[in-house]
N, C-alpha and C. Protein backbone atom coordinates (compact mmCIF):
# COMPACT_ATOMS: atom_id res chain seq x y z
N UNK A 1 0.84 -1.15 0.00
CA UNK A 1 0.00 0.00 0.00
C UNK A 1 0.90 1.23 0.00
N UNK A 2 0.52 2.22 -0.73
CA UNK A 2 1.21 3.50 -0.75
C UNK A 2 0.29 4.53 -0.09
N UNK A 3 0.84 5.24 0.89
CA UNK A 3 0.06 6.22 1.65
C UNK A 3 0.76 7.57 1.54
N UNK A 4 0.00 8.61 1.24
CA UNK A 4 0.56 9.96 1.21
C UNK A 4 1.13 10.29 2.58
N UNK A 5 2.24 11.03 2.60
CA UNK A 5 2.96 11.31 3.85
C UNK A 5 2.09 11.98 4.90
N UNK A 6 1.29 12.98 4.53
CA UNK A 6 0.48 13.68 5.52
C UNK A 6 -0.62 12.79 6.09
N UNK A 7 -1.18 11.90 5.27
CA UNK A 7 -2.19 10.97 5.74
C UNK A 7 -1.55 9.97 6.70
N UNK A 8 -0.39 9.43 6.33
CA UNK A 8 0.33 8.49 7.19
C UNK A 8 0.62 9.13 8.56
N UNK A 9 1.15 10.34 8.54
CA UNK A 9 1.48 11.03 9.79
C UNK A 9 0.25 11.21 10.67
N UNK A 10 -0.87 11.53 10.07
CA UNK A 10 -2.10 11.73 10.82
C UNK A 10 -2.64 10.41 11.39
N UNK A 11 -2.70 9.39 10.56
CA UNK A 11 -3.28 8.10 10.97
C UNK A 11 -2.42 7.39 12.01
N UNK A 12 -1.11 7.44 11.83
CA UNK A 12 -0.22 6.66 12.69
C UNK A 12 0.51 7.48 13.75
N UNK A 13 0.06 8.69 14.02
CA UNK A 13 0.76 9.56 14.97
C UNK A 13 0.80 8.97 16.38
N UNK A 14 -0.18 8.19 16.77
CA UNK A 14 -0.21 7.63 18.12
C UNK A 14 0.31 6.21 18.21
N UNK A 15 0.93 5.72 17.16
CA UNK A 15 1.40 4.34 17.13
C UNK A 15 2.57 4.14 18.10
N UNK A 16 2.56 3.02 18.78
CA UNK A 16 3.66 2.69 19.69
C UNK A 16 4.88 2.25 18.88
N UNK A 17 6.06 2.40 19.43
CA UNK A 17 7.27 2.03 18.70
C UNK A 17 7.72 0.61 19.01
N UNK A 18 7.15 0.00 20.03
CA UNK A 18 7.54 -1.37 20.39
C UNK A 18 6.36 -2.08 21.04
N UNK A 19 6.23 -3.39 20.73
CA UNK A 19 5.25 -4.22 21.41
C UNK A 19 5.82 -5.63 21.53
N UNK A 20 5.00 -6.60 21.87
CA UNK A 20 5.50 -7.96 22.08
C UNK A 20 6.02 -8.62 20.81
N UNK A 21 5.66 -8.09 19.65
CA UNK A 21 6.13 -8.66 18.38
C UNK A 21 7.42 -8.03 17.89
N UNK A 22 7.83 -6.91 18.46
CA UNK A 22 9.07 -6.29 18.02
C UNK A 22 8.99 -4.78 18.05
N UNK A 23 9.88 -4.16 17.26
CA UNK A 23 9.98 -2.70 17.24
C UNK A 23 9.73 -2.19 15.83
N UNK A 24 9.21 -0.97 15.75
CA UNK A 24 9.01 -0.31 14.47
C UNK A 24 10.38 0.10 13.96
N UNK A 25 10.63 -0.16 12.70
CA UNK A 25 11.91 0.19 12.09
C UNK A 25 11.80 1.60 11.53
N UNK A 26 12.76 2.45 11.90
CA UNK A 26 12.79 3.82 11.40
C UNK A 26 13.61 3.87 10.12
N UNK A 27 13.54 4.99 9.44
CA UNK A 27 14.24 5.14 8.17
C UNK A 27 15.73 4.95 8.24
N UNK A 28 16.36 5.30 9.35
CA UNK A 28 17.78 5.08 9.49
C UNK A 28 18.08 4.72 10.94
N UNK A 29 19.24 4.16 11.16
CA UNK A 29 19.61 3.74 12.51
C UNK A 29 19.50 4.92 13.47
N UNK A 30 18.76 4.74 14.53
CA UNK A 30 18.60 5.80 15.51
C UNK A 30 17.64 6.88 15.08
N UNK A 31 17.00 6.72 13.93
CA UNK A 31 16.07 7.73 13.44
C UNK A 31 14.83 7.81 14.29
N UNK A 32 14.17 8.92 14.23
CA UNK A 32 12.94 9.06 15.00
C UNK A 32 11.75 8.88 14.07
N UNK A 33 10.63 8.56 14.64
CA UNK A 33 9.42 8.40 13.86
C UNK A 33 9.33 7.02 13.25
N UNK A 34 8.19 6.74 12.68
CA UNK A 34 7.96 5.44 12.07
C UNK A 34 8.02 5.59 10.56
N UNK A 35 8.06 4.48 9.92
CA UNK A 35 8.06 4.48 8.47
C UNK A 35 9.45 4.40 7.91
N UNK A 36 9.51 4.04 6.66
CA UNK A 36 10.79 3.84 5.98
C UNK A 36 10.56 4.05 4.49
N UNK A 37 11.51 4.68 3.83
CA UNK A 37 11.38 4.86 2.38
C UNK A 37 11.51 3.51 1.68
N UNK A 38 10.75 3.34 0.64
CA UNK A 38 10.76 2.09 -0.14
C UNK A 38 11.86 2.18 -1.18
N UNK A 39 13.11 1.98 -0.73
CA UNK A 39 14.28 2.03 -1.60
C UNK A 39 14.99 0.69 -1.55
N UNK A 40 15.80 0.43 -2.56
CA UNK A 40 16.53 -0.84 -2.59
C UNK A 40 17.43 -1.01 -1.37
N UNK A 41 18.11 0.06 -0.97
CA UNK A 41 19.01 -0.06 0.18
C UNK A 41 18.24 -0.37 1.47
N UNK A 42 17.08 0.23 1.66
CA UNK A 42 16.27 -0.06 2.85
C UNK A 42 15.70 -1.48 2.80
N UNK A 43 15.24 -1.90 1.64
CA UNK A 43 14.71 -3.26 1.51
C UNK A 43 15.82 -4.27 1.78
N UNK A 44 17.00 -4.05 1.22
CA UNK A 44 18.14 -4.96 1.44
C UNK A 44 18.51 -5.00 2.93
N UNK A 45 18.53 -3.81 3.56
CA UNK A 45 18.87 -3.75 4.99
C UNK A 45 17.89 -4.55 5.82
N UNK A 46 16.61 -4.41 5.52
CA UNK A 46 15.60 -5.16 6.26
C UNK A 46 15.73 -6.66 6.03
N UNK A 47 15.88 -7.05 4.77
CA UNK A 47 15.96 -8.48 4.46
C UNK A 47 17.24 -9.12 4.98
N UNK A 48 18.33 -8.37 4.96
CA UNK A 48 19.62 -8.95 5.33
C UNK A 48 19.98 -8.79 6.80
N UNK A 49 19.45 -7.77 7.46
CA UNK A 49 19.94 -7.45 8.81
C UNK A 49 18.90 -7.37 9.91
N UNK A 50 17.64 -7.37 9.57
CA UNK A 50 16.60 -7.23 10.59
C UNK A 50 15.90 -8.56 10.83
N UNK A 51 15.47 -8.81 12.07
CA UNK A 51 14.76 -10.05 12.37
C UNK A 51 13.31 -9.99 11.86
N UNK A 52 13.07 -10.56 10.69
CA UNK A 52 11.73 -10.58 10.11
C UNK A 52 11.19 -12.00 10.11
N UNK A 53 9.88 -12.12 10.31
CA UNK A 53 9.24 -13.42 10.13
C UNK A 53 9.37 -13.81 8.66
N UNK A 54 9.39 -15.10 8.38
CA UNK A 54 9.54 -15.58 7.00
C UNK A 54 8.48 -14.99 6.08
N UNK A 55 7.25 -14.94 6.56
CA UNK A 55 6.17 -14.40 5.73
C UNK A 55 6.38 -12.91 5.45
N UNK A 56 6.85 -12.16 6.43
CA UNK A 56 7.10 -10.73 6.24
C UNK A 56 8.24 -10.52 5.24
N UNK A 57 9.29 -11.32 5.36
CA UNK A 57 10.41 -11.22 4.42
C UNK A 57 9.96 -11.55 3.00
N UNK A 58 9.13 -12.57 2.85
CA UNK A 58 8.64 -12.94 1.53
C UNK A 58 7.77 -11.83 0.93
N UNK A 59 6.91 -11.24 1.73
CA UNK A 59 6.06 -10.14 1.25
C UNK A 59 6.89 -8.93 0.84
N UNK A 60 7.89 -8.61 1.64
CA UNK A 60 8.76 -7.47 1.32
C UNK A 60 9.54 -7.73 0.04
N UNK A 61 10.07 -8.92 -0.10
CA UNK A 61 10.82 -9.28 -1.31
C UNK A 61 9.92 -9.21 -2.55
N UNK A 62 8.73 -9.75 -2.44
CA UNK A 62 7.79 -9.70 -3.57
C UNK A 62 7.36 -8.27 -3.89
N UNK A 63 7.14 -7.47 -2.85
CA UNK A 63 6.77 -6.07 -3.08
C UNK A 63 7.89 -5.35 -3.83
N UNK A 64 9.13 -5.62 -3.47
CA UNK A 64 10.24 -4.98 -4.17
C UNK A 64 10.32 -5.46 -5.62
N UNK A 65 10.16 -6.75 -5.82
CA UNK A 65 10.20 -7.29 -7.19
C UNK A 65 9.12 -6.69 -8.07
N UNK A 66 7.96 -6.40 -7.50
CA UNK A 66 6.82 -5.92 -8.28
C UNK A 66 6.51 -4.44 -8.00
N UNK A 67 7.51 -3.69 -7.57
CA UNK A 67 7.32 -2.29 -7.22
C UNK A 67 6.78 -1.46 -8.37
N UNK A 68 7.11 -1.84 -9.61
CA UNK A 68 6.60 -1.11 -10.76
C UNK A 68 5.09 -1.15 -10.84
N UNK A 69 4.51 -2.30 -10.51
CA UNK A 69 3.05 -2.42 -10.51
C UNK A 69 2.44 -1.72 -9.30
N UNK A 70 3.11 -1.83 -8.17
CA UNK A 70 2.58 -1.25 -6.93
C UNK A 70 2.60 0.26 -6.98
N UNK A 71 3.70 0.83 -7.48
CA UNK A 71 3.85 2.28 -7.47
C UNK A 71 3.43 2.94 -8.76
N UNK A 72 3.14 2.12 -9.79
CA UNK A 72 2.84 2.65 -11.12
C UNK A 72 1.53 3.25 -11.27
């Protein structure tokens, strides 16, 4: 899903940064706020270095492979 920045900020402003399932990943190490740019370097960082469930990793990988359709 693609969400406009101002809508995202409004909808998710009260979101917690950590719960029993893990932590929200910020755009860069030590960054504040939630969310992350959908770039190859961020996708690679998540897939290679972050603890993701297998299903989450598969969805992220497929989203990157098909980004032209998603963002087009």
